[in-house]
PDB file of N, CA and C in Angstrom:
ATOM      1  N   UNK A   1       0.857  -1.160   0.000  1.00  0.00           N
ATOM      2  CA  UNK A   1       0.000   0.000   0.000  1.00  0.00           C
ATOM      3  C   UNK A   1       0.902   1.221   0.000  1.00  0.00           C
ATOM      4  N   UNK A   2       0.632   2.160  -0.855  1.00  0.00           N
ATOM      5  CA  UNK A   2       1.448   3.355  -0.946  1.00  0.00           C
ATOM      6  C   UNK A   2       0.593   4.583  -0.686  1.00  0.00           C
ATOM      7  N   UNK A   3       1.193   5.529  -0.045  1.00  0.00           N
ATOM      8  CA  UNK A   3       0.525   6.810   0.137  1.00  0.00           C
ATOM      9  C   UNK A   3       0.701   7.629  -1.126  1.00  0.00           C
ATOM     10  N   UNK A   4      -0.246   8.478  -1.395  1.00  0.00           N
ATOM     11  CA  UNK A   4      -0.143   9.393  -2.517  1.00  0.00           C
ATOM     12  C   UNK A   4       1.106  10.251  -2.321  1.00  0.00           C
ATOM     13  N   UNK A   5       1.803  10.635  -3.407  1.00  0.00           N
ATOM     14  CA  UNK A   5       3.018  11.444  -3.249  1.00  0.00           C
ATOM     15  C   UNK A   5       2.835  12.687  -2.386  1.00  0.00           C
ATOM     16  N   UNK A   6       1.627  13.251  -2.381  1.00  0.00           N
ATOM     17  CA  UNK A   6       1.403  14.438  -1.559  1.00  0.00           C
ATOM     18  C   UNK A   6       1.315  14.083  -0.083  1.00  0.00           C
ATOM     19  N   UNK A   7       1.264  12.786   0.239  1.00  0.00           N
ATOM     20  CA  UNK A   7       1.152  12.341   1.619  1.00  0.00           C
ATOM     21  C   UNK A   7       2.478  11.824   2.160  1.00  0.00           C
ATOM     22  N   UNK A   8       3.567  12.373   1.720  1.00  0.00           N
ATOM     23  CA  UNK A   8       4.879  11.997   2.237  1.00  0.00           C
ATOM     24  C   UNK A   8       5.082  12.608   3.613  1.00  0.00           C
ATOM     25  N   UNK A   9       6.003  12.029   4.369  1.00  0.00           N
ATOM     26  CA  UNK A   9       6.292  12.533   5.712  1.00  0.00           C
ATOM     27  C   UNK A   9       6.483  14.045   5.685  1.00  0.00           C
ATOM     28  N   UNK A  10       5.803  14.706   6.572  1.00  0.00           N
ATOM     29  CA  UNK A  10       5.910  16.156   6.678  1.00  0.00           C
ATOM     30  C   UNK A  10       4.869  16.911   5.862  1.00  0.00           C
ATOM     31  N   UNK A  11       4.241  16.243   4.898  1.00  0.00           N
ATOM     32  CA  UNK A  11       3.216  16.912   4.086  1.00  0.00           C
ATOM     33  C   UNK A  11       1.954  17.064   4.920  1.00  0.00           C
ATOM     34  N   UNK A  12       1.169  18.107   4.648  1.00  0.00           N
ATOM     35  CA  UNK A  12      -0.092  18.276   5.392  1.00  0.00           C
ATOM     36  C   UNK A  12      -0.976  17.043   5.238  1.00  0.00           C
ATOM     37  N   UNK A  13      -1.510  16.565   6.344  1.00  0.00           N
ATOM     38  CA  UNK A  13      -2.395  15.416   6.318  1.00  0.00           C
ATOM     39  C   UNK A  13      -1.679  14.080   6.401  1.00  0.00           C
ATOM     40  N   UNK A  14      -0.356  14.091   6.381  1.00  0.00           N
ATOM     41  CA  UNK A  14       0.397  12.826   6.411  1.00  0.00           C
ATOM     42  C   UNK A  14       0.055  11.999   7.643  1.00  0.00           C
ATOM     43  N   UNK A  15       0.086  12.606   8.810  1.00  0.00           N
ATOM     44  CA  UNK A  15      -0.169  11.863  10.046  1.00  0.00           C
ATOM     45  C   UNK A  15      -1.562  11.261  10.055  1.00  0.00           C
ATOM     46  N   UNK A  16      -2.541  12.016   9.582  1.00  0.00           N
ATOM     47  CA  UNK A  16      -3.918  11.522   9.544  1.00  0.00           C
ATOM     48  C   UNK A  16      -4.035  10.334   8.592  1.00  0.00           C
ATOM     49  N   UNK A  17      -3.437  10.447   7.399  1.00  0.00           N
ATOM     50  CA  UNK A  17      -3.494   9.357   6.423  1.00  0.00           C
ATOM     51  C   UNK A  17      -2.771   8.131   6.952  1.00  0.00           C
ATOM     52  N   UNK A  18      -1.623   8.335   7.563  1.00  0.00           N
ATOM     53  CA  UNK A  18      -0.851   7.220   8.112  1.00  0.00           C
ATOM     54  C   UNK A  18      -1.644   6.530   9.213  1.00  0.00           C
ATOM     55  N   UNK A  19      -2.257   7.296  10.100  1.00  0.00           N
ATOM     56  CA  UNK A  19      -3.014   6.706  11.201  1.00  0.00           C
ATOM     57  C   UNK A  19      -4.223   5.948  10.667  1.00  0.00           C
ATOM     58  N   UNK A  20      -4.873   6.487   9.650  1.00  0.00           N
ATOM     59  CA  UNK A  20      -6.022   5.807   9.054  1.00  0.00           C
ATOM     60  C   UNK A  20      -5.603   4.450   8.506  1.00  0.00           C
ATOM     61  N   UNK A  21      -4.474   4.407   7.819  1.00  0.00           N
ATOM     62  CA  UNK A  21      -3.989   3.150   7.255  1.00  0.00           C
ATOM     63  C   UNK A  21      -3.648   2.166   8.368  1.00  0.00           C
ATOM     64  N   UNK A  22      -2.975   2.628   9.423  1.00  0.00           N
ATOM     65  CA  UNK A  22      -2.630   1.756  10.540  1.00  0.00           C
ATOM     66  C   UNK A  22      -3.874   1.213  11.233  1.00  0.00           C
ATOM     67  N   UNK A  23      -4.877   2.063  11.428  1.00  0.00           N
ATOM     68  CA  UNK A  23      -6.125   1.609  12.050  1.00  0.00           C
ATOM     69  C   UNK A  23      -6.814   0.558  11.191  1.00  0.00           C
ATOM     70  N   UNK A  24      -6.836   0.783   9.898  1.00  0.00           N
ATOM     71  CA  UNK A  24      -7.445  -0.173   8.973  1.00  0.00           C
ATOM     72  C   UNK A  24      -6.709  -1.513   9.033  1.00  0.00           C
ATOM     73  N   UNK A  25      -5.387  -1.472   9.017  1.00  0.00           N
ATOM     74  CA  UNK A  25      -4.614  -2.702   9.080  1.00  0.00           C
ATOM     75  C   UNK A  25      -4.858  -3.451  10.389  1.00  0.00           C
ATOM     76  N   UNK A  26      -4.981  -2.736  11.503  1.00  0.00           N
ATOM     77  CA  UNK A  26      -5.262  -3.378  12.786  1.00  0.00           C
ATOM     78  C   UNK A  26      -6.594  -4.119  12.736  1.00  0.00           C
ATOM     79  N   UNK A  27      -7.610  -3.486  12.144  1.00  0.00           N
ATOM     80  CA  UNK A  27      -8.922  -4.129  12.021  1.00  0.00           C
ATOM     81  C   UNK A  27      -8.846  -5.364  11.132  1.00  0.00           C
ATOM     82  N   UNK A  28      -8.125  -5.245  10.022  1.00  0.00           N
ATOM     83  CA  UNK A  28      -8.006  -6.375   9.109  1.00  0.00           C
ATOM     84  C   UNK A  28      -7.272  -7.533   9.762  1.00  0.00           C
ATOM     85  N   UNK A  29      -6.184  -7.239  10.464  1.00  0.00           N
ATOM     86  CA  UNK A  29      -5.418  -8.289  11.130  1.00  0.00           C
ATOM     87  C   UNK A  29      -6.259  -8.965  12.204  1.00  0.00           C
ATOM     88  N   UNK A  30      -7.004  -8.186  12.968  1.00  0.00           N
ATOM     89  CA  UNK A  30      -7.824  -8.751  14.045  1.00  0.00           C
ATOM     90  C   UNK A  30      -8.917  -9.664  13.498  1.00  0.00           C
ATOM     91  N   UNK A  31      -9.356  -9.420  12.270  1.00  0.00           N
ATOM     92  CA  UNK A  31     -10.446 -10.212  11.711  1.00  0.00           C
ATOM     93  C   UNK A  31      -9.962 -11.403  10.874  1.00  0.00           C
ATOM     94  N   UNK A  32      -8.667 -11.591  10.760  1.00  0.00           N
ATOM     95  CA  UNK A  32      -8.152 -12.709   9.969  1.00  0.00           C
ATOM     96  C   UNK A  32      -8.530 -14.050  10.600  1.00  0.00           C
ATOM     97  N   UNK A  33      -9.121 -14.961   9.825  1.00  0.00           N
ATOM     98  CA  UNK A  33      -9.366 -16.301  10.374  1.00  0.00           C
ATOM     99  C   UNK A  33      -8.039 -17.042  10.541  1.00  0.00           C
ATOM    100  N   UNK A  34      -7.101 -16.775   9.637  1.00  0.00           N
ATOM    101  CA  UNK A  34      -5.762 -17.330   9.733  1.00  0.00           C
ATOM    102  C   UNK A  34      -4.848 -16.513   8.841  1.00  0.00           C
ATOM    103  N   UNK A  35      -3.570 -16.696   9.038  1.00  0.00           N
ATOM    104  CA  UNK A  35      -2.584 -16.019   8.195  1.00  0.00           C
ATOM    105  C   UNK A  35      -1.681 -17.093   7.604  1.00  0.00           C
ATOM    106  N   UNK A  36      -1.475 -17.035   6.307  1.00  0.00           N
ATOM    107  CA  UNK A  36      -0.593 -17.984   5.630  1.00  0.00           C
ATOM    108  C   UNK A  36       0.595 -17.223   5.087  1.00  0.00           C
ATOM    109  N   UNK A  37       1.778 -17.640   5.484  1.00  0.00           N
ATOM    110  CA  UNK A  37       3.005 -16.958   5.099  1.00  0.00           C
ATOM    111  C   UNK A  37       3.840 -17.848   4.200  1.00  0.00           C
ATOM    112  N   UNK A  38       4.495 -17.236   3.245  1.00  0.00           N
ATOM    113  CA  UNK A  38       5.412 -17.941   2.371  1.00  0.00           C
ATOM    114  C   UNK A  38       6.441 -16.921   1.908  1.00  0.00           C
ATOM    115  N   UNK A  39       7.706 -17.293   1.988  1.00  0.00           N
ATOM    116  CA  UNK A  39       8.750 -16.379   1.563  1.00  0.00           C
ATOM    117  C   UNK A  39      10.032 -16.655   2.299  1.00  0.00           C
ATOM    118  N   UNK A  40      10.987 -15.744   2.197  1.00  0.00           N
ATOM    119  CA  UNK A  40      12.246 -15.931   2.908  1.00  0.00           C
ATOM    120  C   UNK A  40      12.007 -15.993   4.419  1.00  0.00           C
ATOM    121  N   UNK A  41      12.767 -16.840   5.105  1.00  0.00           N
ATOM    122  CA  UNK A  41      12.578 -17.035   6.540  1.00  0.00           C
ATOM    123  C   UNK A  41      12.654 -15.723   7.320  1.00  0.00           C
ATOM    124  N   UNK A  42      13.624 -14.830   7.065  1.00  0.00           N
ATOM    125  CA  UNK A  42      13.652 -13.575   7.836  1.00  0.00           C
ATOM    126  C   UNK A  42      12.374 -12.743   7.659  1.00  0.00           C
ATOM    127  N   UNK A  43      11.835 -12.721   6.446  1.00  0.00           N
ATOM    128  CA  UNK A  43      10.588 -11.999   6.191  1.00  0.00           C
ATOM    129  C   UNK A  43       9.443 -12.625   6.973  1.00  0.00           C
ATOM    130  N   UNK A  44       9.320 -13.952   6.895  1.00  0.00           N
ATOM    131  CA  UNK A  44       8.223 -14.620   7.588  1.00  0.00           C
ATOM    132  C   UNK A  44       8.354 -14.484   9.095  1.00  0.00           C
ATOM    133  N   UNK A  45       9.582 -14.508   9.616  1.00  0.00           N
ATOM    134  CA  UNK A  45       9.782 -14.329  11.054  1.00  0.00           C
ATOM    135  C   UNK A  45       9.320 -12.946  11.485  1.00  0.00           C
ATOM    136  N   UNK A  46       9.611 -11.933  10.680  1.00  0.00           N
ATOM    137  CA  UNK A  46       9.194 -10.566  11.005  1.00  0.00           C
ATOM    138  C   UNK A  46       7.674 -10.436  10.958  1.00  0.00           C
ATOM    139  N   UNK A  47       7.047 -11.019   9.944  1.00  0.00           N
ATOM    140  CA  UNK A  47       5.588 -10.949   9.826  1.00  0.00           C
ATOM    141  C   UNK A  47       4.928 -11.744  10.951  1.00  0.00           C
ATOM    142  N   UNK A  48       5.467 -12.922  11.265  1.00  0.00           N
ATOM    143  CA  UNK A  48       4.915 -13.729  12.360  1.00  0.00           C
ATOM    144  C   UNK A  48       4.997 -12.966  13.672  1.00  0.00           C
ATOM    145  N   UNK A  49       6.129 -12.353  13.945  1.00  0.00           N
ATOM    146  CA  UNK A  49       6.298 -11.578  15.180  1.00  0.00           C
ATOM    147  C   UNK A  49       5.306 -10.417  15.233  1.00  0.00           C
ATOM    148  N   UNK A  50       5.111  -9.748  14.107  1.00  0.00           N
ATOM    149  CA  UNK A  50       4.170  -8.620  14.065  1.00  0.00           C
ATOM    150  C   UNK A  50       2.741  -9.101  14.300  1.00  0.00           C
ATOM    151  N   UNK A  51       2.373 -10.233  13.704  1.00  0.00           N
ATOM    152  CA  UNK A  51       1.029 -10.773  13.904  1.00  0.00           C
ATOM    153  C   UNK A  51       0.810 -11.173  15.363  1.00  0.00           C
ATOM    154  N   UNK A  52       1.801 -11.839  15.954  1.00  0.00           N
ATOM    155  CA  UNK A  52       1.690 -12.234  17.364  1.00  0.00           C
ATOM    156  C   UNK A  52       1.562 -11.007  18.260  1.00  0.00           C
ATOM    157  N   UNK A  53       2.345  -9.982  17.964  1.00  0.00           N
ATOM    158  CA  UNK A  53       2.304  -8.744  18.750  1.00  0.00           C
ATOM    159  C   UNK A  53       0.932  -8.084  18.672  1.00  0.00           C
ATOM    160  N   UNK A  54       0.259  -8.262  17.551  1.00  0.00           N
ATOM    161  CA  UNK A  54      -1.053  -7.645  17.362  1.00  0.00           C
ATOM    162  C   UNK A  54      -2.199  -8.565  17.759  1.00  0.00           C
ATOM    163  N   UNK A  55      -1.873  -9.669  18.437  1.00  0.00           N
ATOM    164  CA  UNK A  55      -2.914 -10.496  19.020  1.00  0.00           C
ATOM    165  C   UNK A  55      -3.397 -11.672  18.204  1.00  0.00           C
ATOM    166  N   UNK A  56      -2.762 -11.948  17.079  1.00  0.00           N
ATOM    167  CA  UNK A  56      -3.154 -13.119  16.298  1.00  0.00           C
ATOM    168  C   UNK A  56      -2.567 -14.344  17.006  1.00  0.00           C
ATOM    169  N   UNK A  57      -3.422 -15.309  17.321  1.00  0.00           N
ATOM    170  CA  UNK A  57      -2.982 -16.516  18.021  1.00  0.00           C
ATOM    171  C   UNK A  57      -2.014 -17.317  17.151  1.00  0.00           C
ATOM    172  N   UNK A  58      -0.999 -17.884  17.779  1.00  0.00           N
ATOM    173  CA  UNK A  58       0.025 -18.640  17.050  1.00  0.00           C
ATOM    174  C   UNK A  58      -0.576 -19.766  16.212  1.00  0.00           C
ATOM    175  N   UNK A  59      -1.625 -20.412  16.733  1.00  0.00           N
ATOM    176  CA  UNK A  59      -2.229 -21.517  15.971  1.00  0.00           C
ATOM    177  C   UNK A  59      -2.977 -21.035  14.723  1.00  0.00           C
ATOM    178  N   UNK A  60      -3.187 -19.726  14.603  1.00  0.00           N
ATOM    179  CA  UNK A  60      -3.836 -19.170  13.409  1.00  0.00           C
ATOM    180  C   UNK A  60      -2.825 -18.751  12.347  1.00  0.00           C
ATOM    181  N   UNK A  61      -1.527 -18.911  12.638  1.00  0.00           N
ATOM    182  CA  UNK A  61      -0.484 -18.523  11.696  1.00  0.00           C
ATOM    183  C   UNK A  61       0.112 -19.784  11.086  1.00  0.00           C
ATOM    184  N   UNK A  62      -0.020 -19.874   9.773  1.00  0.00           N
ATOM    185  CA  UNK A  62       0.537 -21.015   9.040  1.00  0.00           C
ATOM    186  C   UNK A  62       1.654 -20.495   8.141  1.00  0.00           C
ATOM    187  N   UNK A  63       2.617 -21.353   7.889  1.00  0.00           N
ATOM    188  CA  UNK A  63       3.689 -20.934   7.000  1.00  0.00           C
ATOM    189  C   UNK A  63       4.216 -22.120   6.221  1.00  0.00           C
ATOM    190  N   UNK A  64       4.833 -21.810   5.102  1.00  0.00           N
ATOM    191  CA  UNK A  64       5.433 -22.836   4.261  1.00  0.00           C
ATOM    192  C   UNK A  64       6.859 -22.400   3.958  1.00  0.00           C
ATOM    193  N   UNK A  65       7.783 -23.280   4.255  1.00  0.00           N
ATOM    194  CA  UNK A  65       9.203 -22.989   4.061  1.00  0.00           C
ATOM    195  C   UNK A  65       9.761 -23.954   3.033  1.00  0.00           C
ATOM    196  N   UNK A  66      10.493 -23.433   2.108  1.00  0.00           N
ATOM    197  CA  UNK A  66      11.158 -24.271   1.117  1.00  0.00           C
ATOM    198  C   UNK A  66      12.612 -24.431   1.550  1.00  0.00           C
ATOM    199  N   UNK A  67      12.826 -25.231   2.585  1.00  0.00           N
ATOM    200  CA  UNK A  67      14.150 -25.450   3.152  1.00  0.00           C
ATOM    201  C   UNK A  67      14.015 -25.574   4.656  1.00  0.00           C
ATOM    202  N   UNK A  68      15.130 -25.547   5.388  1.00  0.00           N
ATOM    203  CA  UNK A  68      15.084 -25.674   6.851  1.00  0.00           C
ATOM    204  C   UNK A  68      14.267 -24.556   7.485  1.00  0.00           C
ATOM    205  N   UNK A  69      13.460 -24.893   8.506  1.00  0.00           N
ATOM    206  CA  UNK A  69      12.609 -23.886   9.143  1.00  0.00           C
ATOM    207  C   UNK A  69      12.951 -23.664  10.603  1.00  0.00           C
ATOM    208  N   UNK A  70      14.119 -24.084  11.036  1.00  0.00           N
ATOM    209  CA  UNK A  70      14.491 -23.944  12.448  1.00  0.00           C
ATOM    210  C   UNK A  70      14.353 -22.499  12.923  1.00  0.00           C
ATOM    211  N   UNK A  71      14.772 -21.543  12.105  1.00  0.00           N
ATOM    212  CA  UNK A  71      14.733 -20.143  12.510  1.00  0.00           C
ATOM    213  C   UNK A  71      13.311 -19.656  12.767  1.00  0.00           C
ATOM    214  N   UNK A  72      12.364 -20.045  11.927  1.00  0.00           N
ATOM    215  CA  UNK A  72      10.998 -19.562  12.063  1.00  0.00           C
ATOM    216  C   UNK A  72      10.256 -20.269  13.180  1.00  0.00           C
ATOM    217  N   UNK A  73      10.536 -21.518  13.398  1.00  0.00           N
ATOM    218  CA  UNK A  73       9.843 -22.282  14.439  1.00  0.00           C
ATOM    219  C   UNK A  73      10.080 -21.677  15.818  1.00  0.00           C
ATOM    220  N   UNK A  74      11.214 -21.036  16.006  1.00  0.00           N
ATOM    221  CA  UNK A  74      11.532 -20.446  17.309  1.00  0.00           C
ATOM    222  C   UNK A  74      11.265 -18.953  17.349  1.00  0.00           C
ATOM    223  N   UNK A  75      10.840 -18.360  16.245  1.00  0.00           N
ATOM    224  CA  UNK A  75      10.581 -16.908  16.207  1.00  0.00           C
ATOM    225  C   UNK A  75       9.268 -16.571  16.868  1.00  0.00           C
TER     226      UNK A  75
END
């Protein structure tokens, strides 16, 4: 999701637009029945941590790793 060029940091209305997007994302994350992740392990670890921090239960987070997953299993 990208902000309009006029909504760059410091532009009038930037904080309001940013907060609106963050609020929307919080609502969307809270309503997820589950989250399915696929990608590089560092990316998935960051997304998993963010989802857990925002209250998504660990059993609702699924992931697929094409290789060893030791790093993500402990994240």
